[in-house]
Amino acid sequence: MKHILVTGAAGGLGRSVSLAFARQGYKVFALDVNLEALQDLTADRIITIQADITETDSLMLAKEQVLTHTKGLDAIINMAGVFTMHSLIEIDPALIEKALSVNLMGTVMVNQIFFGLLTSGEGRIINCSSEVGRFPAIPFNGAYTISKKALEAYNDTLRRELGFLGYKVIKMQCGSFRTAMHTKTVEQFNYFKETTKIYGPTLRLLAPILEWELKHVNDTKYLDRAITKAVEATRPKKAYRVKNSLLLSLLTIFGERFSDLVFMVLGKVANKRTSKAIEK
């Protein structure tokens, strides 16, 4: 029986991935900080462990629990993550710090602490990035984007370093999926619209586009399949792009200058509309 570790396993994509691997016969060590949600994750071959991936002591205790069941892991799958939406000039800096703490440093710490358990020269590390890690940065998604672009750099460096030793390090560049995080994204977008003091006109213009994106979410089964391939393929891809946004893909066609131009024009249109409304 193969053994894998999944972080962020109690909800969202982590939960879906954990259940998918358990159905395929893997023994899954499901880590999450949310004890109540973990208790609801009941399935054969899943062992739940409460752990805070931002705390070294918590992860060391989790490692001790894993070692009571096995001496080795075939894969470490980092799915834990947090999302926040606001303008970078207005956001509470603590929210940016939290995104970096969980999305980047949590992954770094998990990989360091559990690396010694990976099957020598064969084990794999899967890091859950995002489509925003590869696309041009878009407005009002800054905290999340910063953390994921940093994770991309970490993943690529780690892949080359561990490649010397025969390990595979793979990143999942995920689009939008139907999970609790997606629901929170909608809530945060609505909160942003209500609380921003300087981007009201811009948001009124962009709202239909952003709302269209938020409505077009995908079933988690597509990510489950991609991660299964990443774990089981003899020659896995370095990166798996899973259901990435068509609109964001279009922005990459003509490069960063084109993206800047698009957002600049939208901003001018929004402000002009506001000026005309005030005049009336």
Protein backbone atom coordinates (compact mmCIF):
# COMPACT_ATOMS: atom_id res chain seq x y z
CA MET A 1 0.00 0.00 0.00
CA LYS A 2 1.26 3.47 -0.87
CA HIS A 3 1.25 6.27 1.69
CA ILE A 4 0.69 9.96 1.01
CA LEU A 5 0.43 13.10 3.13
CA VAL A 6 -2.13 15.78 2.22
CA THR A 7 -2.31 19.19 3.89
CA GLY A 8 -5.47 21.29 3.95
CA ALA A 9 -7.28 17.97 3.82
CA ALA A 10 -10.44 18.86 5.75
CA GLY A 11 -11.97 21.13 3.13
CA GLY A 12 -12.00 22.25 -0.46
CA LEU A 13 -9.52 20.79 -2.91
CA GLY A 14 -7.55 19.04 -0.16
CA ARG A 15 -10.62 17.12 0.95
CA SER A 16 -11.46 16.08 -2.59
CA VAL A 17 -7.90 14.92 -3.24
CA SER A 18 -7.75 12.98 0.03
CA LEU A 19 -10.97 11.11 -0.70
CA ALA A 20 -9.91 10.42 -4.29
CA PHE A 21 -6.62 8.80 -3.23
CA ALA A 22 -8.31 6.81 -0.46
CA ARG A 23 -10.75 5.38 -3.03
CA GLN A 24 -7.76 4.31 -5.12
CA GLY A 25 -6.28 2.32 -2.25
CA TYR A 26 -3.74 4.77 -0.84
CA LYS A 27 -3.34 5.31 2.87
CA VAL A 28 -3.83 9.05 3.33
CA PHE A 29 -2.50 11.09 6.22
CA ALA A 30 -4.90 14.02 6.18
CA LEU A 31 -3.58 17.14 7.91
CA ASP A 32 -5.62 20.21 8.72
CA VAL A 33 -5.84 22.82 11.47
CA ASN A 34 -9.65 22.59 11.56
CA LEU A 35 -10.39 19.77 14.00
CA GLU A 36 -14.17 19.91 13.56
CA ALA A 37 -13.90 19.58 9.78
CA LEU A 38 -11.34 16.78 10.16
CA GLN A 39 -13.76 14.81 12.31
CA ASP A 40 -16.19 14.93 9.41
CA LEU A 41 -13.59 13.42 7.06
CA THR A 42 -14.37 9.77 7.57
CA ALA A 43 -13.31 7.18 5.03
CA ASP A 44 -11.38 3.94 4.91
CA ARG A 45 -7.62 4.40 4.65
CA ILE A 46 -7.73 8.05 5.81
CA ILE A 47 -5.93 8.94 9.04
CA THR A 48 -6.76 12.46 10.21
CA ILE A 49 -4.20 14.54 12.07
CA GLN A 50 -4.79 18.03 13.42
CA ALA A 51 -1.83 20.23 12.60
CA ASP A 52 -1.04 23.87 11.96
CA ILE A 53 1.35 24.02 9.02
CA THR A 54 2.64 27.42 10.13
CA GLU A 55 3.88 26.02 13.47
CA THR A 56 7.01 23.84 13.63
CA ASP A 57 6.05 22.12 16.88
CA SER A 58 2.63 21.22 15.50
CA LEU A 59 4.18 19.68 12.39
CA MET A 60 6.72 17.73 14.43
CA LEU A 61 3.89 16.21 16.46
CA ALA A 62 2.10 15.34 13.22
CA LYS A 63 5.25 13.65 11.95
CA GLU A 64 5.42 11.53 15.10
CA GLN A 65 1.84 10.40 14.48
CA VAL A 66 2.63 9.48 10.88
CA LEU A 67 5.63 7.45 12.04
CA THR A 68 3.39 5.29 14.22
CA HIS A 69 1.79 4.01 11.00
CA THR A 70 4.62 4.00 8.45
CA LYS A 71 8.30 4.77 8.05
CA GLY A 72 7.92 6.19 4.57
CA LEU A 73 5.79 8.36 2.29
CA ASP A 74 5.39 8.06 -1.45
CA ALA A 75 4.21 11.64 -1.84
CA ILE A 76 3.72 14.91 0.01
CA ILE A 77 0.80 16.87 -1.41
CA ASN A 78 0.55 20.49 -0.26
CA MET A 79 -3.06 21.64 -0.68
CA ALA A 80 -3.48 24.01 2.28
CA GLY A 81 -4.09 27.61 1.31
CA VAL A 82 -5.93 30.83 2.12
CA PHE A 83 -7.41 33.46 -0.18
CA THR A 84 -8.11 37.15 0.28
CA MET A 85 -9.30 39.89 -2.08
CA HIS A 86 -8.79 43.64 -1.76
CA SER A 87 -6.70 46.45 -3.17
CA LEU A 88 -3.07 46.41 -2.05
CA ILE A 89 -3.22 50.07 -1.02
CA GLU A 90 -6.18 49.45 1.33
CA ILE A 91 -5.71 45.89 2.56
CA ASP A 92 -4.70 45.11 6.13
CA PRO A 93 -1.01 44.11 5.80
CA ALA A 94 -1.68 41.26 8.22
CA LEU A 95 -3.76 39.57 5.49
CA ILE A 96 -0.80 39.62 3.11
CA GLU A 97 1.40 38.22 5.86
CA LYS A 98 -1.12 35.44 6.51
CA ALA A 99 -1.27 34.52 2.81
CA LEU A 100 2.51 34.24 2.72
CA SER A 101 2.59 32.34 6.02
CA VAL A 102 0.14 29.67 4.88
CA ASN A 103 0.53 29.51 1.10
CA LEU A 104 4.31 29.81 0.98
CA MET A 105 5.98 29.24 4.34
CA GLY A 106 3.54 26.51 5.38
CA THR A 107 4.51 24.58 2.26
CA VAL A 108 8.21 25.19 2.91
CA MET A 109 7.92 23.88 6.47
CA VAL A 110 5.88 20.80 5.57
CA ASN A 111 8.36 19.79 2.89
CA GLN A 112 11.36 20.27 5.17
CA ILE A 113 9.89 18.37 8.10
CA PHE A 114 8.47 15.43 6.14
CA PHE A 115 11.15 15.17 3.45
CA GLY A 116 13.08 12.54 5.38
CA LEU A 117 10.06 10.21 5.14
CA LEU A 118 9.90 10.30 1.33
CA THR A 119 10.88 7.10 -0.44
CA SER A 120 14.56 7.57 -1.26
CA GLY A 121 15.07 8.85 -4.79
CA GLU A 122 11.48 8.07 -5.79
CA GLY A 123 9.18 10.13 -3.57
CA ARG A 124 7.32 13.09 -4.98
CA ILE A 125 6.35 16.52 -3.72
CA ILE A 126 3.23 18.12 -5.18
CA ASN A 127 2.80 21.84 -4.50
CA CYS A 128 -0.60 23.39 -5.17
CA SER A 129 0.00 26.69 -6.91
CA SER A 130 -2.61 28.56 -8.94
CA GLU A 131 -3.30 29.95 -12.37
CA VAL A 132 -2.38 33.37 -10.94
CA GLY A 133 1.15 32.04 -10.50
CA ARG A 134 1.65 31.93 -14.26
CA PHE A 135 -0.64 34.70 -15.53
CA PRO A 136 0.04 38.46 -15.45
CA ALA A 137 -0.94 39.90 -12.07
CA ILE A 138 -4.50 41.16 -12.05
CA PRO A 139 -5.92 43.97 -9.88
CA PHE A 140 -7.41 43.30 -6.44
CA ASN A 141 -6.01 39.77 -6.15
CA GLY A 142 -2.64 40.93 -4.91
CA ALA A 143 -2.17 39.14 -1.59
CA TYR A 144 -3.01 35.75 -3.07
CA THR A 145 -1.03 36.40 -6.25
CA ILE A 146 2.09 37.46 -4.34
CA SER A 147 2.01 34.25 -2.31
CA LYS A 148 1.48 32.04 -5.36
CA LYS A 149 4.15 33.68 -7.51
CA ALA A 150 6.55 33.22 -4.61
CA LEU A 151 5.45 29.59 -4.37
CA GLU A 152 6.17 29.14 -8.09
CA ALA A 153 9.76 30.34 -7.58
CA TYR A 154 10.13 28.10 -4.53
CA ASN A 155 8.74 25.08 -6.40
CA ASP A 156 11.01 25.52 -9.42
CA THR A 157 14.11 25.95 -7.28
CA LEU A 158 13.21 22.96 -5.12
CA ARG A 159 12.56 20.86 -8.24
CA ARG A 160 16.05 21.51 -9.55
CA GLU A 161 17.72 20.97 -6.18
CA LEU A 162 15.94 17.69 -5.43
CA GLY A 163 16.35 16.61 -9.03
CA PHE A 164 20.02 15.98 -8.20
CA LEU A 165 18.79 13.32 -5.76
CA GLY A 166 16.19 11.73 -8.01
CA TYR A 167 13.05 13.22 -6.46
CA LYS A 168 10.22 14.75 -8.49
CA VAL A 169 8.74 18.13 -7.49
CA ILE A 170 5.59 19.10 -9.35
CA LYS A 171 3.33 22.14 -9.25
CA MET A 172 -0.41 22.22 -9.88
CA GLN A 173 -1.55 25.48 -11.50
CA CYS A 174 -5.21 25.33 -10.58
CA GLY A 175 -8.10 27.32 -11.95
CA SER A 176 -11.35 27.95 -10.10
CA PHE A 177 -13.14 24.98 -8.54
CA ARG A 178 -16.43 24.48 -6.74
CA THR A 179 -15.31 24.50 -3.09
CA ALA A 180 -15.88 26.44 0.12
CA MET A 181 -12.97 28.71 -0.84
CA HIS A 182 -14.89 29.75 -3.94
CA THR A 183 -17.85 30.71 -1.75
CA LYS A 184 -15.53 32.77 0.44
CA THR A 185 -14.13 34.44 -2.67
CA VAL A 186 -17.61 35.66 -3.61
CA GLU A 187 -18.11 36.93 -0.06
CA GLN A 188 -14.78 38.75 -0.08
CA PHE A 189 -15.52 40.34 -3.45
CA ASN A 190 -18.83 41.67 -2.11
CA TYR A 191 -17.08 42.93 1.04
CA PHE A 192 -14.45 44.66 -1.10
CA LYS A 193 -17.15 46.43 -3.13
CA GLU A 194 -18.78 47.66 0.06
CA THR A 195 -15.65 48.83 1.87
CA THR A 196 -13.30 50.26 -0.76
CA LYS A 197 -12.97 54.04 -0.58
CA ILE A 198 -11.14 54.62 -3.85
CA TYR A 199 -12.10 51.86 -6.31
CA GLY A 200 -15.88 52.13 -6.37
CA PRO A 201 -16.11 53.32 -10.01
CA THR A 202 -13.61 50.72 -11.21
CA LEU A 203 -15.40 47.88 -9.44
CA ARG A 204 -18.77 48.90 -10.85
CA LEU A 205 -17.28 48.59 -14.34
CA LEU A 206 -15.35 45.38 -13.66
CA ALA A 207 -18.05 43.69 -11.58
CA PRO A 208 -19.76 41.89 -14.51
CA ILE A 209 -16.40 40.46 -15.65
CA LEU A 210 -15.36 39.39 -12.16
CA GLU A 211 -18.78 37.95 -11.42
CA TRP A 212 -18.69 35.99 -14.69
CA GLU A 213 -15.34 34.50 -13.65
CA LEU A 214 -16.66 33.66 -10.19
CA LYS A 215 -19.66 31.86 -11.65
CA HIS A 216 -17.62 29.69 -14.00
CA VAL A 217 -16.15 27.12 -11.64
CA ASN A 218 -15.15 23.54 -12.31
CA ASP A 219 -15.76 20.20 -10.68
CA THR A 220 -12.92 19.09 -8.40
CA LYS A 221 -12.71 15.73 -10.21
CA TYR A 222 -10.49 17.35 -12.86
CA LEU A 223 -7.89 18.29 -10.28
CA ASP A 224 -8.14 14.87 -8.62
CA ARG A 225 -7.27 13.25 -11.95
CA ALA A 226 -4.35 15.60 -12.60
CA ILE A 227 -2.81 15.04 -9.16
CA THR A 228 -3.24 11.28 -9.54
CA LYS A 229 -1.24 11.49 -12.78
CA ALA A 230 1.39 13.61 -11.07
CA VAL A 231 1.82 10.97 -8.37
CA GLU A 232 1.63 7.86 -10.55
CA ALA A 233 3.13 8.79 -13.94
CA THR A 234 6.60 7.43 -14.67
CA ARG A 235 7.52 10.76 -16.24
CA PRO A 236 5.22 13.38 -14.73
CA LYS A 237 5.01 16.91 -16.07
CA LYS A 238 6.82 19.66 -14.22
CA ALA A 239 3.55 21.57 -14.05
CA TYR A 240 -0.09 20.63 -14.55
CA ARG A 241 -2.43 23.41 -15.69
CA VAL A 242 -5.92 22.41 -14.63
CA LYS A 243 -8.97 24.32 -15.90
CA ASN A 244 -7.27 27.70 -16.16
CA SER A 245 -9.32 30.81 -16.96
CA LEU A 246 -9.89 31.57 -20.64
CA LEU A 247 -10.06 35.31 -19.98
CA LEU A 248 -6.77 35.31 -18.09
CA SER A 249 -5.21 33.17 -20.81
CA LEU A 250 -6.13 35.82 -23.38
CA LEU A 251 -4.17 38.43 -21.42
CA THR A 252 -0.96 36.48 -21.93
CA ILE A 253 -1.14 36.55 -25.72
CA PHE A 254 0.37 40.02 -26.15
CA GLY A 255 2.43 40.24 -22.98
CA GLU A 256 2.59 42.53 -19.96
CA ARG A 257 2.32 45.77 -21.94
CA PHE A 258 -0.99 44.68 -23.42
CA SER A 259 -2.31 43.75 -19.97
CA ASP A 260 -1.32 47.15 -18.59
CA LEU A 261 -3.06 48.86 -21.50
CA VAL A 262 -6.27 46.90 -20.97
CA PHE A 263 -6.47 47.81 -17.27
CA MET A 264 -5.51 51.45 -17.94
CA VAL A 265 -8.29 51.84 -20.50
CA LEU A 266 -10.82 50.21 -18.18
CA GLY A 267 -9.80 52.57 -15.40
CA LYS A 268 -10.24 55.64 -17.61
CA VAL A 269 -13.64 54.48 -18.78
CA ALA A 270 -14.76 53.84 -15.20
CA ASN A 271 -13.64 57.26 -13.99
CA LYS A 272 -15.18 59.01 -16.99
CA ARG A 273 -18.52 57.35 -16.31
CA THR A 274 -18.38 58.49 -12.72
CA SER A 275 -17.57 62.07 -13.74
CA LYS A 276 -20.53 62.19 -16.12
CA ALA A 277 -22.84 60.78 -13.43
CA ILE A 278 -21.72 63.50 -11.00
CA GLU A 279 -22.28 66.23 -13.61
CA LYS A 280 -25.86 65.06 -14.15
